[in-house]
Structure formats: structure tokens, C-alpha cells
Amino acid sequence: MNTSEELNKPLSTKRRYGVMAFILVILGGAICMGLFGGVVLGYLTSQYSPLRWMDESWSDKGIAITQRRGDVLIAAIERYRAQHGDLPKTLDALVPDQLGEVLSPVVGDRQWHYGRLMNYPSDYYLSVDSRHINQSHYNGIESLHYNSFDQRWDTEKEESLLY
């Protein structure tokens, strides 16, 4: 038999099953790796992961960007207060009249925390916290916060030892 006849010859049933089994093993492996990779990546960035601090970006640049975004919110809060005679109940109340959108912080838990100051109800705080604030194993920045009473941004750093 010459080579062109061999190429045109149909595969034997055994060989066909072998090729299909090989393809299934390759596809199954790829699917398992995708699922496993997704689970592992999800865990590493979840709140339960011991490595979660790695993605908090408490860099000087990240803090500066977050403060600029916070300054935009502070200006919108003050415009709201001037217009309504009181503070907004939530940051979402600023949209769309005062802001197009509330931009998230780029550090910490990437969420704004906002409310009235306990002993000064006409004043407010705006902050972003670390995902692991108050956890004994952490040694680093716990929060970046602003309060309208002092009218300044501060960072709180945990100085505890790692244990």
C-alpha cells in the first residue's frame, strides 16, 4: 500500500477510541486545571487567606490616589450639606446630584466607610480600612481616615509584633 492509500484508509475502531480517549484526557486536564486555578486564586485573595494582605496596596502612590478620591467625596459631602442643611445618610445619596459616581479607594479593603462622628453629630468621618484590621498577626497600616472636625487625613499603623 502506498502512503496516499494509507491516509485515505479509515481509522480502526480501536485507534479511533484511543484518539478520543486522548482528547478527553487533555480536555479533562485543562478543565480541572482551570477549576483548580480558580479555586486557588480565589482563596489567595479571599478574606480567609493568610496572603490577603499582599493585595492591599498600601503604597504611597495608592494612599495618594485614595486621598484624592476621598477629597472629591469630601467636596461633594460639603456641597450636599450646603444644599440640604444636613449630611447625607450614605455616600450613595451624593449620586447623581453631587457626583457622577463614587470612586472606590485603591488601598485596603477598597471600600469607603462613612458616618457621623459620635460626639460631634455635625461632623463626619470617611475612611478605608485594612482587610485584617485588629488582627494580632498584622504589622502595618490599619486604616486611612479623614474627619471633618480635624479636616485632615491620617493613617493608623499597627505596631504590634508578628506572632
Protein backbone atom coordinates (compact mmCIF):
# COMPACT_ATOMS: atom_id res chain seq x y z
CA MET A 1 0.00 0.00 0.00
CA ASN A 2 1.33 3.45 -0.83
CA THR A 3 1.12 6.44 1.50
CA SER A 4 -1.91 8.07 -0.15
CA GLU A 5 -3.91 4.88 0.31
CA GLU A 6 -2.87 4.71 3.98
CA LEU A 7 -4.01 8.30 4.57
CA ASN A 8 -7.39 7.65 3.00
CA LYS A 9 -7.90 4.40 4.92
CA PRO A 10 -10.41 4.82 7.78
CA LEU A 11 -9.08 4.54 11.34
CA SER A 12 -9.69 1.27 13.08
CA THR A 13 -12.24 1.29 15.88
CA LYS A 14 -9.53 0.70 18.49
CA ARG A 15 -7.43 3.53 17.19
CA ARG A 16 -10.46 5.86 16.99
CA TYR A 17 -11.28 5.15 20.67
CA GLY A 18 -7.66 5.74 21.57
CA VAL A 19 -7.64 9.16 19.89
CA MET A 20 -10.96 10.11 21.53
CA ALA A 21 -9.67 8.98 24.94
CA PHE A 22 -6.53 11.06 24.47
CA ILE A 23 -8.58 14.15 23.55
CA LEU A 24 -10.87 13.62 26.56
CA VAL A 25 -7.88 13.30 28.92
CA ILE A 26 -6.37 16.53 27.56
CA LEU A 27 -9.69 18.41 27.80
CA GLY A 28 -10.42 16.99 31.24
CA GLY A 29 -7.00 18.03 32.47
CA ALA A 30 -7.45 21.54 31.11
CA ILE A 31 -10.85 21.86 32.78
CA CYS A 32 -9.51 20.55 36.10
CA MET A 33 -6.55 22.95 35.97
CA GLY A 34 -8.91 25.84 35.25
CA LEU A 35 -11.17 24.94 38.14
CA PHE A 36 -8.27 24.27 40.49
CA GLY A 37 -6.56 27.51 39.47
CA GLY A 38 -9.76 29.47 40.03
CA VAL A 39 -10.27 27.96 43.47
CA VAL A 40 -6.66 28.58 44.49
CA LEU A 41 -6.64 32.14 43.17
CA GLY A 42 -9.99 32.81 44.82
CA TYR A 43 -8.69 31.54 48.14
CA LEU A 44 -5.47 33.52 47.96
CA THR A 45 -7.38 36.76 47.53
CA SER A 46 -10.26 35.98 49.90
CA GLN A 47 -10.65 37.35 53.39
CA TYR A 48 -9.68 33.94 54.81
CA SER A 49 -6.33 33.69 53.08
CA PRO A 50 -3.16 34.29 55.06
CA LEU A 51 -1.81 36.08 51.97
CA ARG A 52 -4.68 38.57 51.65
CA TRP A 53 -2.53 41.46 52.85
CA MET A 54 -0.47 41.24 49.68
CA ASP A 55 -3.14 42.86 47.51
CA GLU A 56 -3.97 45.80 49.77
CA SER A 57 -1.50 48.19 48.05
CA TRP A 58 -0.69 50.44 50.99
CA SER A 59 1.93 52.15 48.83
CA ASP A 60 2.49 55.90 48.95
CA LYS A 61 1.02 56.13 45.44
CA GLY A 62 -2.07 54.08 46.42
CA ILE A 63 -2.63 56.23 49.51
CA ALA A 64 -2.26 59.43 47.45
CA ILE A 65 -4.79 58.22 44.84
CA THR A 66 -7.22 57.20 47.59
CA GLN A 67 -6.86 60.58 49.31
CA ARG A 68 -7.57 62.41 46.03
CA ARG A 69 -10.69 60.29 45.52
CA GLY A 70 -11.65 60.99 49.14
CA ASP A 71 -11.14 64.73 48.63
CA VAL A 72 -13.64 64.58 45.76
CA LEU A 73 -16.12 62.87 48.11
CA ILE A 74 -15.47 65.41 50.88
CA ALA A 75 -16.19 68.30 48.48
CA ALA A 76 -19.41 66.55 47.38
CA ILE A 77 -20.45 65.95 51.02
CA GLU A 78 -19.91 69.65 51.77
CA ARG A 79 -21.94 70.69 48.70
CA TYR A 80 -24.72 68.33 49.81
CA ARG A 81 -24.65 69.82 53.33
CA ALA A 82 -24.83 73.37 51.92
CA GLN A 83 -27.75 72.41 49.68
CA HIS A 84 -29.75 70.27 52.17
CA GLY A 85 -28.67 71.66 55.55
CA ASP A 86 -27.53 68.23 56.78
CA LEU A 87 -25.07 65.47 55.97
CA PRO A 88 -26.05 62.75 53.51
CA LYS A 89 -27.08 59.48 55.19
CA THR A 90 -24.90 57.47 52.79
CA LEU A 91 -22.34 58.21 50.11
CA ASP A 92 -24.79 56.90 47.51
CA ALA A 93 -27.01 59.91 48.30
CA LEU A 94 -24.38 62.06 46.55
CA VAL A 95 -25.09 60.42 43.17
CA PRO A 96 -26.12 61.87 40.73
CA ASP A 97 -26.67 65.41 42.08
CA GLN A 98 -23.21 65.95 43.59
CA LEU A 99 -21.17 63.23 41.81
CA GLY A 100 -21.41 61.09 38.71
CA GLU A 101 -20.17 58.09 40.70
CA VAL A 102 -18.43 57.24 43.96
CA LEU A 103 -14.92 56.08 43.03
CA SER A 104 -13.63 53.30 45.28
CA PRO A 105 -10.37 53.55 47.19
CA VAL A 106 -7.39 51.69 45.73
CA VAL A 107 -5.92 50.59 49.08
CA GLY A 108 -7.06 48.40 51.97
CA ASP A 109 -10.46 46.75 51.68
CA ARG A 110 -11.27 49.12 48.78
CA GLN A 111 -14.49 50.29 50.44
CA TRP A 112 -15.34 53.69 51.86
CA HIS A 113 -16.63 53.75 55.43
CA TYR A 114 -18.62 56.90 56.18
CA GLY A 115 -20.72 58.19 59.06
CA ARG A 116 -21.22 60.87 61.67
CA LEU A 117 -18.66 61.38 64.42
CA MET A 118 -20.10 60.01 67.65
CA ASN A 119 -19.58 63.07 69.88
CA TYR A 120 -19.88 65.63 67.07
CA PRO A 121 -23.04 64.85 65.06
CA SER A 122 -22.49 67.75 62.67
CA ASP A 123 -19.12 66.27 61.69
CA TYR A 124 -18.30 63.08 59.83
CA TYR A 125 -15.56 60.59 59.08
CA LEU A 126 -14.51 58.97 55.82
CA SER A 127 -12.13 56.03 55.94
CA VAL A 128 -10.80 52.91 54.27
CA ASP A 129 -9.63 50.03 56.44
CA SER A 130 -7.25 47.14 56.09
CA ARG A 131 -8.96 43.79 55.47
CA HIS A 132 -7.34 42.50 58.62
CA ILE A 133 -7.76 45.40 60.99
CA ASN A 134 -7.39 44.35 64.65
CA GLN A 135 -5.75 41.01 63.84
CA SER A 136 -2.76 40.30 66.03
CA HIS A 137 -0.53 38.83 63.30
CA TYR A 138 -0.54 42.01 61.19
CA ASN A 139 2.06 44.75 61.37
CA GLY A 140 1.19 47.57 59.02
CA ILE A 141 -1.31 50.26 58.11
CA GLU A 142 -4.75 49.53 59.52
CA SER A 143 -6.66 52.49 58.14
CA LEU A 144 -6.59 55.75 56.26
CA HIS A 145 -9.17 58.16 57.61
CA TYR A 146 -10.42 61.71 57.41
CA ASN A 147 -12.67 63.51 59.85
CA SER A 148 -14.30 66.83 59.23
CA PHE A 149 -13.65 68.02 62.79
CA ASP A 150 -9.86 67.98 62.28
CA GLN A 151 -10.15 68.41 58.49
CA ARG A 152 -7.18 66.19 57.72
CA TRP A 153 -6.18 62.72 56.57
CA ASP A 154 -4.32 60.34 58.91
CA THR A 155 -3.11 56.78 58.74
CA GLU A 156 -3.22 54.37 61.65
CA LYS A 157 -0.40 51.89 61.76
CA GLU A 158 -0.37 48.80 63.94
CA GLU A 159 2.98 48.47 65.66
CA SER A 160 2.39 45.06 67.22
CA LEU A 161 4.90 42.26 66.80
CA LEU A 162 4.22 39.38 64.47
CA TYR A 163 3.44 36.18 66.38
